[in-house]
C-alpha atoms as a PDB file:
ATOM      1  CA  MET A   1      27.925 189.868  89.754  1.00  0.00           C
ATOM      2  CA  THR A   2      27.186 193.565  90.251  1.00  0.00           C
ATOM      3  CA  PRO A   3      29.344 196.193  88.521  1.00  0.00           C
ATOM      4  CA  TYR A   4      30.265 199.359  90.412  1.00  0.00           C
ATOM      5  CA  SER A   5      31.214 202.848  89.357  1.00  0.00           C
ATOM      6  CA  ILE A   6      34.606 203.219  91.040  1.00  0.00           C
ATOM      7  CA  ILE A   7      35.440 206.846  91.831  1.00  0.00           C
ATOM      8  CA  ILE A   8      39.129 207.623  92.376  1.00  0.00           C
ATOM      9  CA  PRO A   9      40.250 211.184  93.144  1.00  0.00           C
ATOM     10  CA  THR A  10      43.957 211.711  92.539  1.00  0.00           C
ATOM     11  CA  TRP A  11      46.442 214.518  93.006  1.00  0.00           C
ATOM     12  CA  ARG A  12      49.754 214.192  91.136  1.00  0.00           C
ATOM     13  CA  ASN A  13      50.062 210.569  92.213  1.00  0.00           C
ATOM     14  CA  ILE A  14      50.380 208.738  88.888  1.00  0.00           C
ATOM     15  CA  PRO A  15      52.594 205.764  89.966  1.00  0.00           C
ATOM     16  CA  PHE A  16      50.121 204.861  92.720  1.00  0.00           C
ATOM     17  CA  LEU A  17      47.101 205.501  90.520  1.00  0.00           C
ATOM     18  CA  ASP A  18      48.531 203.305  87.777  1.00  0.00           C
ATOM     19  CA  LEU A  19      48.995 200.395  90.189  1.00  0.00           C
ATOM     20  CA  CYS A  20      45.503 200.923  91.624  1.00  0.00           C
ATOM     21  CA  VAL A  21      43.826 200.820  88.220  1.00  0.00           C
ATOM     22  CA  LYS A  22      45.844 197.780  87.119  1.00  0.00           C
ATOM     23  CA  SER A  23      44.792 195.906  90.248  1.00  0.00           C
ATOM     24  CA  ILE A  24      41.119 196.698  89.633  1.00  0.00           C
ATOM     25  CA  ARG A  25      41.416 195.350  86.102  1.00  0.00           C
ATOM     26  CA  ASN A  26      43.415 192.278  87.140  1.00  0.00           C
ATOM     27  CA  TYR A  27      41.528 191.236  90.268  1.00  0.00           C
ATOM     28  CA  SER A  28      37.890 192.164  89.694  1.00  0.00           C
ATOM     29  CA  ALA A  29      35.259 189.587  88.818  1.00  0.00           C
ATOM     30  CA  VAL A  30      33.561 191.912  86.317  1.00  0.00           C
ATOM     31  CA  PRO A  31      34.667 195.025  84.407  1.00  0.00           C
ATOM     32  CA  HIS A  32      33.774 197.851  86.763  1.00  0.00           C
ATOM     33  CA  GLU A  33      33.377 201.410  85.524  1.00  0.00           C
ATOM     34  CA  ILE A  34      36.433 203.453  86.549  1.00  0.00           C
ATOM     35  CA  ILE A  35      36.060 207.234  86.894  1.00  0.00           C
ATOM     36  CA  ILE A  36      39.066 209.330  87.866  1.00  0.00           C
ATOM     37  CA  PHE A  37      39.164 212.953  88.928  1.00  0.00           C
ATOM     38  CA  PHE A  38      42.573 214.562  88.358  1.00  0.00           C
ATOM     39  CA  ASN A  39      43.396 217.419  90.703  1.00  0.00           C
ATOM     40  CA  GLU A  40      46.106 219.671  89.239  1.00  0.00           C
ATOM     41  CA  PHE A  41      45.910 217.891  85.896  1.00  0.00           C
ATOM     42  CA  ASP A  42      49.339 217.980  84.232  1.00  0.00           C
ATOM     43  CA  SER A  43      51.310 216.483  81.347  1.00  0.00           C
ATOM     44  CA  GLU A  44      52.090 213.306  83.301  1.00  0.00           C
ATOM     45  CA  ALA A  45      48.391 212.675  83.835  1.00  0.00           C
ATOM     46  CA  GLU A  46      47.678 213.511  80.204  1.00  0.00           C
ATOM     47  CA  ASN A  47      50.271 210.975  79.030  1.00  0.00           C
ATOM     48  CA  TRP A  48      48.910 208.337  81.403  1.00  0.00           C
ATOM     49  CA  LEU A  49      45.410 208.785  79.998  1.00  0.00           C
ATOM     50  CA  LYS A  50      46.662 208.103  76.474  1.00  0.00           C
ATOM     51  CA  ASP A  51      47.538 204.562  77.559  1.00  0.00           C
ATOM     52  CA  ASN A  52      44.626 204.226  79.981  1.00  0.00           C
ATOM     53  CA  PRO A  53      41.473 205.635  78.411  1.00  0.00           C
ATOM     54  CA  VAL A  54      38.962 205.843  81.273  1.00  0.00           C
ATOM     55  CA  LYS A  55      36.169 208.204  82.174  1.00  0.00           C
ATOM     56  CA  ASN A  56      37.693 211.217  83.842  1.00  0.00           C
ATOM     57  CA  MET A  57      37.304 214.798  84.963  1.00  0.00           C
ATOM     58  CA  GLN A  58      40.069 217.326  85.474  1.00  0.00           C
ATOM     59  CA  SER A  59      40.900 220.486  87.353  1.00  0.00           C
ATOM     60  CA  ALA A  60      43.896 222.767  86.873  1.00  0.00           C
ATOM     61  CA  GLU A  61      43.833 223.378  90.648  1.00  0.00           C
ATOM     62  CA  ASN A  62      43.507 221.103  93.646  1.00  0.00           C
ATOM     63  CA  ILE A  63      39.823 221.392  94.507  1.00  0.00           C
ATOM     64  CA  GLY A  64      40.062 218.733  97.216  1.00  0.00           C
ATOM     65  CA  ILE A  65      38.720 215.222  97.548  1.00  0.00           C
ATOM     66  CA  CYS A  66      35.105 216.093  98.371  1.00  0.00           C
ATOM     67  CA  LYS A  67      34.296 218.224  95.359  1.00  0.00           C
ATOM     68  CA  ALA A  68      36.332 215.927  93.116  1.00  0.00           C
ATOM     69  CA  VAL A  69      34.329 212.879  94.161  1.00  0.00           C
ATOM     70  CA  ASN A  70      30.983 214.709  94.044  1.00  0.00           C
ATOM     71  CA  ASP A  71      31.689 215.887  90.498  1.00  0.00           C
ATOM     72  CA  ALA A  72      32.938 212.487  89.339  1.00  0.00           C
ATOM     73  CA  VAL A  73      29.839 210.724  90.680  1.00  0.00           C
ATOM     74  CA  LYS A  74      27.815 212.660  88.107  1.00  0.00           C
ATOM     75  CA  LEU A  75      29.452 210.510  85.416  1.00  0.00           C
ATOM     76  CA  ALA A  76      28.543 207.236  87.125  1.00  0.00           C
ATOM     77  CA  SER A  77      26.264 204.912  85.186  1.00  0.00           C
ATOM     78  CA  ASN A  78      25.978 202.020  87.682  1.00  0.00           C
ATOM     79  CA  ASP A  79      23.707 201.584  90.689  1.00  0.00           C
ATOM     80  CA  PHE A  80      26.539 201.432  93.234  1.00  0.00           C
ATOM     81  CA  ILE A  81      29.260 203.993  93.877  1.00  0.00           C
ATOM     82  CA  CYS A  82      32.615 202.695  95.081  1.00  0.00           C
ATOM     83  CA  TYR A  83      34.855 205.429  96.482  1.00  0.00           C
ATOM     84  CA  MET A  84      38.511 204.343  96.538  1.00  0.00           C
ATOM     85  CA  ASN A  85      41.834 205.987  97.346  1.00  0.00           C
ATOM     86  CA  ASP A  86      44.435 206.168  94.599  1.00  0.00           C
ATOM     87  CA  ASP A  87      47.048 204.572  96.880  1.00  0.00           C
ATOM     88  CA  MET A  88      45.115 201.320  97.262  1.00  0.00           C
ATOM     89  CA  VAL A  89      45.619 197.986  95.509  1.00  0.00           C
ATOM     90  CA  THR A  90      42.642 195.658  95.241  1.00  0.00           C
ATOM     91  CA  LEU A  91      43.233 191.948  95.910  1.00  0.00           C
ATOM     92  CA  PRO A  92      41.586 188.877  94.353  1.00  0.00           C
ATOM     93  CA  GLY A  93      37.939 188.517  95.377  1.00  0.00           C
ATOM     94  CA  TRP A  94      37.646 192.040  96.746  1.00  0.00           C
ATOM     95  CA  ASP A  95      34.434 192.711  94.829  1.00  0.00           C
ATOM     96  CA  VAL A  96      32.977 189.206  95.058  1.00  0.00           C
ATOM     97  CA  ALA A  97      33.057 189.472  98.856  1.00  0.00           C
ATOM     98  CA  PHE A  98      30.609 192.411  98.761  1.00  0.00           C
ATOM     99  CA  GLU A  99      28.029 190.640  96.629  1.00  0.00           C
ATOM    100  CA  PRO A 100      26.034 188.887  99.425  1.00  0.00           C
ATOM    101  CA  TYR A 101      25.489 192.248 101.162  1.00  0.00           C
ATOM    102  CA  LEU A 102      24.483 194.497  98.282  1.00  0.00           C
ATOM    103  CA  ARG A 103      20.760 193.800  98.514  1.00  0.00           C
ATOM    104  CA  ILE A 104      20.250 193.479 102.271  1.00  0.00           C
ATOM    105  CA  SER A 105      18.837 197.012 102.462  1.00  0.00           C
ATOM    106  CA  ASP A 106      18.031 199.934 100.214  1.00  0.00           C
ATOM    107  CA  LYS A 107      20.114 202.085 102.590  1.00  0.00           C
ATOM    108  CA  LEU A 108      23.607 200.743 102.839  1.00  0.00           C
ATOM    109  CA  TRP A 109      27.301 201.475 103.414  1.00  0.00           C
ATOM    110  CA  LEU A 110      29.825 198.714 102.780  1.00  0.00           C
ATOM    111  CA  SER A 111      33.563 199.000 103.379  1.00  0.00           C
ATOM    112  CA  GLY A 112      36.517 196.876 102.425  1.00  0.00           C
ATOM    113  CA  THR A 113      39.237 195.826 104.845  1.00  0.00           C
ATOM    114  CA  ALA A 114      42.620 197.395 104.211  1.00  0.00           C
ATOM    115  CA  ILE A 115      46.016 195.875 104.878  1.00  0.00           C
ATOM    116  CA  GLU A 116      48.585 198.494 105.886  1.00  0.00           C
ATOM    117  CA  PRO A 117      52.297 198.591 106.685  1.00  0.00           C
ATOM    118  CA  GLY A 118      51.727 200.908 109.642  1.00  0.00           C
ATOM    119  CA  LYS A 119      49.727 200.892 112.844  1.00  0.00           C
ATOM    120  CA  ALA A 120      46.270 199.385 112.539  1.00  0.00           C
ATOM    121  CA  ASN A 121      42.899 200.663 113.559  1.00  0.00           C
ATOM    122  CA  PRO A 122      40.382 197.958 114.469  1.00  0.00           C
ATOM    123  CA  CYS A 123      38.992 197.821 110.928  1.00  0.00           C
ATOM    124  CA  TYR A 124      42.378 197.778 109.197  1.00  0.00           C
ATOM    125  CA  ILE A 125      44.915 194.971 109.296  1.00  0.00           C
ATOM    126  CA  GLY A 126      48.113 196.738 110.332  1.00  0.00           C
ATOM    127  CA  ASN A 127      51.793 195.937 110.687  1.00  0.00           C
ATOM    128  CA  ARG A 128      51.817 194.069 107.377  1.00  0.00           C
ATOM    129  CA  ASP A 129      54.555 195.619 105.309  1.00  0.00           C
ATOM    130  CA  TYR A 130      54.449 194.698 101.640  1.00  0.00           C
ATOM    131  CA  GLY A 131      56.056 197.947 100.550  1.00  0.00           C
ATOM    132  CA  ASP A 132      55.438 201.657 100.900  1.00  0.00           C
ATOM    133  CA  SER A 133      55.461 202.566  97.201  1.00  0.00           C
ATOM    134  CA  PRO A 134      54.945 200.955  93.787  1.00  0.00           C
ATOM    135  CA  ASP A 135      58.737 200.721  93.458  1.00  0.00           C
ATOM    136  CA  ASN A 136      59.112 198.274  96.351  1.00  0.00           C
ATOM    137  CA  PHE A 137      55.635 196.705  96.372  1.00  0.00           C
ATOM    138  CA  ARG A 138      55.899 192.967  97.135  1.00  0.00           C
ATOM    139  CA  GLU A 139      52.825 191.865  95.237  1.00  0.00           C
ATOM    140  CA  THR A 140      53.842 188.209  94.944  1.00  0.00           C
ATOM    141  CA  ASP A 141      54.277 187.901  98.712  1.00  0.00           C
ATOM    142  CA  LEU A 142      50.971 189.663  99.353  1.00  0.00           C
ATOM    143  CA  LEU A 143      49.085 187.406  96.962  1.00  0.00           C
ATOM    144  CA  ARG A 144      50.625 184.393  98.671  1.00  0.00           C
ATOM    145  CA  ASP A 145      49.443 185.604 102.084  1.00  0.00           C
ATOM    146  CA  CYS A 146      46.085 186.961 100.967  1.00  0.00           C
ATOM    147  CA  GLU A 147      43.899 184.020 101.979  1.00  0.00           C
ATOM    148  CA  ARG A 148      45.174 183.806 105.535  1.00  0.00           C
ATOM    149  CA  LEU A 149      44.736 187.573 105.989  1.00  0.00           C
ATOM    150  CA  ARG A 150      41.017 187.513 105.259  1.00  0.00           C
ATOM    151  CA  ARG A 151      38.930 188.079 108.364  1.00  0.00           C
ATOM    152  CA  PRO A 152      36.113 185.590 109.030  1.00  0.00           C
ATOM    153  CA  TYR A 153      33.970 188.346 110.569  1.00  0.00           C
ATOM    154  CA  ASN A 154      32.606 191.796 109.750  1.00  0.00           C
ATOM    155  CA  MET A 155      32.845 195.073 111.654  1.00  0.00           C
ATOM    156  CA  VAL A 156      30.978 198.367 111.770  1.00  0.00           C
ATOM    157  CA  SER A 157      32.969 200.517 109.372  1.00  0.00           C
ATOM    158  CA  THR A 158      33.014 203.683 107.308  1.00  0.00           C
ATOM    159  CA  TRP A 159      36.585 203.236 106.098  1.00  0.00           C
ATOM    160  CA  THR A 160      37.663 203.298 102.462  1.00  0.00           C
ATOM    161  CA  PRO A 161      37.030 201.669 100.018  1.00  0.00           C
ATOM    162  CA  SER A 162      33.352 202.395 100.476  1.00  0.00           C
ATOM    163  CA  ILE A 163      30.350 201.195  98.489  1.00  0.00           C
ATOM    164  CA  ILE A 164      27.106 203.152  98.683  1.00  0.00           C
ATOM    165  CA  PRO A 165      24.026 202.902  96.454  1.00  0.00           C
ATOM    166  CA  LYS A 166      24.019 205.775  94.000  1.00  0.00           C
ATOM    167  CA  SER A 167      20.451 206.593  95.035  1.00  0.00           C
ATOM    168  CA  ASN A 168      21.655 207.020  98.653  1.00  0.00           C
ATOM    169  CA  TRP A 169      24.545 209.209  97.552  1.00  0.00           C
ATOM    170  CA  GLU A 170      22.225 211.475  95.621  1.00  0.00           C
ATOM    171  CA  ALA A 171      19.660 211.580  98.438  1.00  0.00           C
ATOM    172  CA  VAL A 172      22.173 212.801 101.043  1.00  0.00           C
ATOM    173  CA  GLY A 173      24.087 215.071  98.656  1.00  0.00           C
ATOM    174  CA  GLY A 174      27.434 213.285  98.778  1.00  0.00           C
ATOM    175  CA  PHE A 175      30.421 214.794 100.568  1.00  0.00           C
ATOM    176  CA  ASP A 176      30.286 218.159 102.320  1.00  0.00           C
ATOM    177  CA  GLU A 177      32.718 220.213 100.254  1.00  0.00           C
ATOM    178  CA  ASP A 178      33.573 222.446 103.211  1.00  0.00           C
ATOM    179  CA  TYR A 179      35.936 219.683 104.342  1.00  0.00           C
ATOM    180  CA  PHE A 180      39.031 220.714 102.429  1.00  0.00           C
ATOM    181  CA  PRO A 181      41.194 218.973 101.377  1.00  0.00           C
ATOM    182  CA  GLY A 182      39.102 216.073 102.671  1.00  0.00           C
ATOM    183  CA  TYR A 183      39.989 215.372 106.300  1.00  0.00           C
ATOM    184  CA  GLY A 184      36.907 214.443 108.318  1.00  0.00           C
ATOM    185  CA  SER A 185      34.622 214.068 105.315  1.00  0.00           C
ATOM    186  CA  ASP A 186      33.937 210.344 105.776  1.00  0.00           C
ATOM    187  CA  PRO A 187      32.398 210.665 109.275  1.00  0.00           C
ATOM    188  CA  ASP A 188      30.300 213.572 108.034  1.00  0.00           C
ATOM    189  CA  LEU A 189      28.982 211.474 105.162  1.00  0.00           C
ATOM    190  CA  ALA A 190      28.298 208.673 107.648  1.00  0.00           C
ATOM    191  CA  MET A 191      26.218 211.069 109.736  1.00  0.00           C
ATOM    192  CA  LYS A 192      24.273 212.070 106.636  1.00  0.00           C
ATOM    193  CA  MET A 193      23.617 208.404 105.925  1.00  0.00           C
ATOM    194  CA  TRP A 194      22.593 207.782 109.551  1.00  0.00           C
ATOM    195  CA  GLN A 195      20.154 210.697 109.421  1.00  0.00           C
ATOM    196  CA  TYR A 196      18.849 209.279 106.143  1.00  0.00           C
ATOM    197  CA  GLY A 197      18.022 206.036 107.943  1.00  0.00           C
ATOM    198  CA  CYS A 198      20.985 203.830 107.064  1.00  0.00           C
ATOM    199  CA  ARG A 199      21.735 201.270 109.789  1.00  0.00           C
ATOM    200  CA  HIS A 200      23.940 198.926 107.795  1.00  0.00           C
ATOM    201  CA  PHE A 201      27.561 200.112 107.980  1.00  0.00           C
ATOM    202  CA  ILE A 202      29.365 196.868 107.255  1.00  0.00           C
ATOM    203  CA  GLY A 203      33.102 196.424 106.898  1.00  0.00           C
ATOM    204  CA  VAL A 204      33.438 193.131 105.045  1.00  0.00           C
ATOM    205  CA  GLY A 205      36.344 191.167 106.465  1.00  0.00           C
ATOM    206  CA  THR A 206      36.971 189.106 103.349  1.00  0.00           C
ATOM    207  CA  SER A 207      37.156 192.081 100.957  1.00  0.00           C
ATOM    208  CA  LEU A 208      40.818 193.057 101.024  1.00  0.00           C
ATOM    209  CA  VAL A 209      42.866 195.905  99.593  1.00  0.00           C
ATOM    210  CA  TYR A 210      46.434 196.918 100.277  1.00  0.00           C
ATOM    211  CA  HIS A 211      46.806 200.530 101.378  1.00  0.00           C
ATOM    212  CA  PHE A 212      50.144 202.281 101.061  1.00  0.00           C
ATOM    213  CA  ALA A 213      48.733 204.702 103.642  1.00  0.00           C
ATOM    214  CA  LYS A 214      48.735 208.482 103.341  1.00  0.00           C
ATOM    215  CA  ALA A 215      50.648 208.653 100.097  1.00  0.00           C
ATOM    216  CA  THR A 216      48.682 211.821  99.336  1.00  0.00           C
ATOM    217  CA  THR A 217      47.767 213.354 102.667  1.00  0.00           C
ATOM    218  CA  VAL A 218      51.342 213.460 103.982  1.00  0.00           C
ATOM    219  CA  ARG A 219      52.080 216.098 101.362  1.00  0.00           C
ATOM    220  CA  PHE A 220      50.139 218.690 103.346  1.00  0.00           C
ATOM    221  CA  ASP A 221      52.404 220.640 105.650  1.00  0.00           C
ATOM    222  CA  LYS A 222      50.103 220.781 108.699  1.00  0.00           C
ATOM    223  CA  PRO A 223      47.487 218.018 108.537  1.00  0.00           C
ATOM    224  CA  ASP A 224      46.785 218.259 112.288  1.00  0.00           C
ATOM    225  CA  VAL A 225      45.388 221.755 111.812  1.00  0.00           C
ATOM    226  CA  GLU A 226      43.016 220.505 109.143  1.00  0.00           C
ATOM    227  CA  ILE A 227      41.866 217.614 111.366  1.00  0.00           C
ATOM    228  CA  MET A 228      41.087 219.991 114.239  1.00  0.00           C
ATOM    229  CA  ASP A 229      39.103 222.189 111.896  1.00  0.00           C
ATOM    230  CA  ALA A 230      37.172 219.129 110.745  1.00  0.00           C
ATOM    231  CA  ASN A 231      36.294 218.260 114.320  1.00  0.00           C
ATOM    232  CA  ALA A 232      35.019 221.771 114.984  1.00  0.00           C
ATOM    233  CA  HIS A 233      33.011 221.859 111.763  1.00  0.00           C
ATOM    234  CA  PHE A 234      31.399 218.500 112.516  1.00  0.00           C
ATOM    235  CA  ARG A 235      30.399 219.543 116.039  1.00  0.00           C
ATOM    236  CA  LYS A 236      28.986 222.882 114.905  1.00  0.00           C
ATOM    237  CA  LYS A 237      27.060 221.235 112.087  1.00  0.00           C
ATOM    238  CA  TRP A 238      25.643 218.239 113.943  1.00  0.00           C
ATOM    239  CA  GLY A 239      25.684 219.278 117.613  1.00  0.00           C
ATOM    240  CA  ILE A 240      27.798 216.292 118.642  1.00  0.00           C
ATOM    241  CA  ARG A 241      31.504 215.583 118.713  1.00  0.00           C
ATOM    242  CA  ARG A 242      32.709 213.463 115.821  1.00  0.00           C
ATOM    243  CA  SER A 243      34.388 210.972 118.139  1.00  0.00           C
ATOM    244  CA  ARG A 244      31.193 210.537 120.159  1.00  0.00           C
ATOM    245  CA  PHE A 245      29.106 209.951 117.047  1.00  0.00           C
ATOM    246  CA  LEU A 246      31.523 207.313 115.766  1.00  0.00           C
ATOM    247  CA  ARG A 247      31.982 205.616 119.136  1.00  0.00           C
ATOM    248  CA  LYS A 248      28.574 205.878 120.802  1.00  0.00           C
ATOM    249  CA  VAL A 249      26.038 206.254 117.986  1.00  0.00           C
ATOM    250  CA  LEU A 250      27.538 204.439 115.027  1.00  0.00           C
ATOM    251  CA  GLN A 251      29.708 202.234 117.258  1.00  0.00           C
ATOM    252  CA  ARG A 252      32.282 202.010 114.515  1.00  0.00           C
ATOM    253  CA  ASP A 253      34.956 199.307 114.829  1.00  0.00           C
ATOM    254  CA  ARG A 254      32.685 196.883 116.699  1.00  0.00           C
ATOM    255  CA  VAL A 255      32.447 193.295 115.534  1.00  0.00           C
ATOM    256  CA  ILE A 256      29.024 192.719 114.002  1.00  0.00           C
ATOM    257  CA  THR A 257      27.293 189.818 115.718  1.00  0.00           C
ATOM    258  CA  PRO A 258      23.729 188.873 114.728  1.00  0.00           C
ATOM    259  CA  GLN A 259      22.532 190.392 117.999  1.00  0.00           C
ATOM    260  CA  PHE A 260      24.413 193.651 117.420  1.00  0.00           C
ATOM    261  CA  LEU A 261      23.161 193.898 113.829  1.00  0.00           C
ATOM    262  CA  GLU A 262      19.576 193.488 115.046  1.00  0.00           C
ATOM    263  CA  LYS A 263      20.163 196.193 117.662  1.00  0.00           C
ATOM    264  CA  MET A 264      21.519 198.585 115.045  1.00  0.00           C
ATOM    265  CA  ILE A 265      18.647 197.969 112.641  1.00  0.00           C
ATOM    266  CA  ASN A 266      16.109 198.636 115.399  1.00  0.00           C
ATOM    267  CA  THR A 267      17.815 201.878 116.498  1.00  0.00           C
ATOM    268  CA  ARG A 268      15.757 204.915 115.571  1.00  0.00           C
END
């Protein structure tokens, strides 16, 4: 079983982070390396670290997700980087499900499948409300339903949690730090990986996490403005609209059939 270096950026979100880390420790097949970047490090985070000694980096200011993750990756000692949100809870078998795919190519992007209380996108399992915070999280009910929620198929995905070989991450330079606080950074990284030659963007249907959904991003006053800026930056940088790249080039959210996988691999 392959260990990952799990990178978790967090921003004054200790109750969610605590639940996330506990789930990784409780439901992982092997002890993965956990690396946390604390934006706006404060006394609450300092006290949490006393009881949870993990690799970490800190900033007195909020430097955003992209720079936080890029900096934290420098501490990683394993061959695979797993980028995870602090408001996610891993479920039993989440890491085991990735194992058959880790060696299919030296250029690779794997994603888990998130269960969310809100509206779904094709790669997320939506309308499954097991709580919107650690205070009302219905873990027992979720564990009971976990097996029937697993999808027996995979999809093209760049959603979080994401697993990328560390060598790939270093080759493409990680996240573009111009995306602040982080909106739009995942598609940009996907474009970097595509340009690098990656054709395996696989959302594994049996690797499940619960996502409280936007526990951090909703704290920004005007997220729509940031998203529009991300769209403009992507188009200026790559010469294509972000939506077109995801829909027409990457074909994200499509079910991966053997025929479609062969088509993707042969795309140049």
